Structures are given as C-alpha cells and as structure tokens.
Amino acid sequence: MKKYLALCFVMVGCLFFAGCGKYGEKDLIKDLGKKIEDSKAYHLSGELEIFNNEDSYVYDVDVSYQKEENFRVSLKNKTNNHQQIILKNSDGVYVLTPSLNKSFKFQSEWPYNNSQSYLLQTILKDIKTDNDRQFKKVEDKYVITTKVNYSNNKELVKQQIYIDKDLNILEVHVLNSNDQVQMKMKFKDIDLKANYSDKYFTLNENMASKEKDENSAQVSKIDNIIYPMYLPANTYLSAQDKVTKEEGERIILTFKGDNPFVFVQETVDVEDEFLTIPVYGEPELLMDSVAAVSNESVTWVSNGIEYYVTSDTLNEQQLVSIARSISVMPVGK
C-alpha cells in the first residue's frame, strides 16, 4: 500500500512539473504568435527604463493597437512629466508633443523597420526572424534571447524576452555586447481584446489633450549652454553665437574639421495654432525624449529647450550619437 501511494505521488508530481514546463521552443513560439496575431486590437501599459552609465531615465508607457496598422504609443518621462506620442494611422507616422501644440510627420516604415521593446508585433518579429535565437526555462518563466535591430545604436546587440507559462510577455531586456542591460521594459497589463472608437487614432483627437509639463513652460533664456560630449574624429568647436528671438534666445555652436556640423539650442516656442512639420526620416527614442531623425538632422525637446543637430556630411548614426552624448557644462549666463 505504501509503495502504491508513493508511486501515485511520483506520477502526480511528474504530471505537475510536466504541466508547468509543457512548452518547448517551437510550440511556445507558435502559440505566442497565434495569440498576438489573432488580436484585432490590444492595449498594454508598462514602464521603460533606459540606462546611461550611472543615470537612468524612466518612462510610463501606454500602447494601443488596432488592425490594420493603427498604433498609438504614449511615452511620459516620469522625471518631468513630459509626454510625447508616437502615432501611426493611414495618413502616416507622427511624433506629437501636445503641450507644445506641435508634431512631426514621417513617411516611415515604423515600427517594423527597427526593434521596439514595447510593441508585441516587433518583439514577435525579432523572435521569428532570428534562427540563432536561444531558448531556456528559468524557474517558472521562459527566456528567449534574440538579436536586435537598432539601426542608429549599434551598441545594442541582443534582447532577453521573459514569458510566463500563460504566454504573457513580462519583461524585455536590451543588452550591449558586454551583456549590460541598456533598456528594460516591464509590462504591467496586456489586454488583447481592447476596443477603440473611430477617432482614437486620429491626429486631432490626440492633440486635443494637453498636459502641463516642464517642457511646456515658456523659458526666456538659456542659463547653461549644453555641449556634445561626443565629437567625430578631427572635429572642433569653431564658433559660438547667441541670437535674441522675439520670446527667448537661440545658441548656435558651429563645429568644423573633417566632419563639420551645427548644434542649435533654443528656448521652446509654444505654438498658438497646431503645427505639423514634415520630416523625411524616423522617430528615435533618445535618453529623455523622442527625437525626429532625418538624413541631415536630429531634432528634440528636453527641459524646455529645443535642440537641433544638423550636417550635410555626417550620417544618421553619427548625428544620433552626437545627440545622445549631450551633457550640461555651465559656462556662465
């Protein structure tokens, strides 16, 4: 009788553990793909943390998706409450800053042309297209490691995707070649049966809500000039000029040498009427803001100041590297 009971316990234990670890790599990817692809609309929220040496920048992330190809991604910087929205609808791709009454419009393949740690479709795409992906079970989770494609940040080489036994994506860690986590996306809620009104993904609907943040405050002057910490080889600062605007001022830094460029910083103008600026390029998440990146320029807003890096000789990756390297260096008022 004791032997019979012991055998029963062993069998029950085996069934239990088999149930917890029922997925192999192929079955998990197949079922995860079906779960995501069958969704006609979804909503998710979470927190994205971006690491830069000893510093980190944290965003509240809110994502809405509706077939066919409507996306709305709200990124709110938790430090200064600055909100930007990446919107895709049938008219194009936009980066909206409602507090400034301004948007950039792109003719872009976003979001599928790069990895995006907060979108289910691009995570699934990275998994399916990497034939060298790694799969393992860690405690009660599955971890899939894949290559990533961040075209303007080659330091990011792979990601670890954490999935629970019910095929919910829990976290995505993006790492550099030294296995250091550079971005961490934590998913809080995922609803694969969301419903949205016809107006939800329209430009006017998303510009209607204006939240106050530090970046919308009217700044009259630039107290501390900001300099890029990264310069391309054989490039140097040759001129520094200040221009007074009707409301505020503009600082122009001119760099010359083998890789010349101009870096402009100016006080933010809050537009009286809604303004859309066409850009031939891509939206790009920097450390503390979403930038508009084109072949010849990078434009972004941070802490009440608007920045431009422009060059007719540097490529996009070099321009973005300069933008990412910004550091405050007081030089007097």
Foldseek 3Di string as FASTA:
>chain_A
DVVVVVVVVVVVVVVVVCLLVVDDDVVLLVVLVCLQVVQQKKKWWWKKWFDDVPDIWIWTWIWIDHPPPWIWIWTATPVWRFIWIWTDDPVATKIDRLLLLEIEGENDPPPQVWADFPDSVSVSVQQVVFPPWDWDDDDQWIWIKGFTGDPLDQQFGIKIWIAGSVGDTAKIFTHGPVRDTRMIIGIDDMDSHDDDDPCPRPPVVVSVDHDDTQQSDFDQEDFFDKFFPDDPPQKDWDDWDKAHDPRHIKIWTWIDGPFTKIKMKIFRHRDPHRYYHYAHADWDDARRWIWGFHQFWIWTTDRRMIMMIGDPRDGRSVRNNRVNRIDTDGDGD
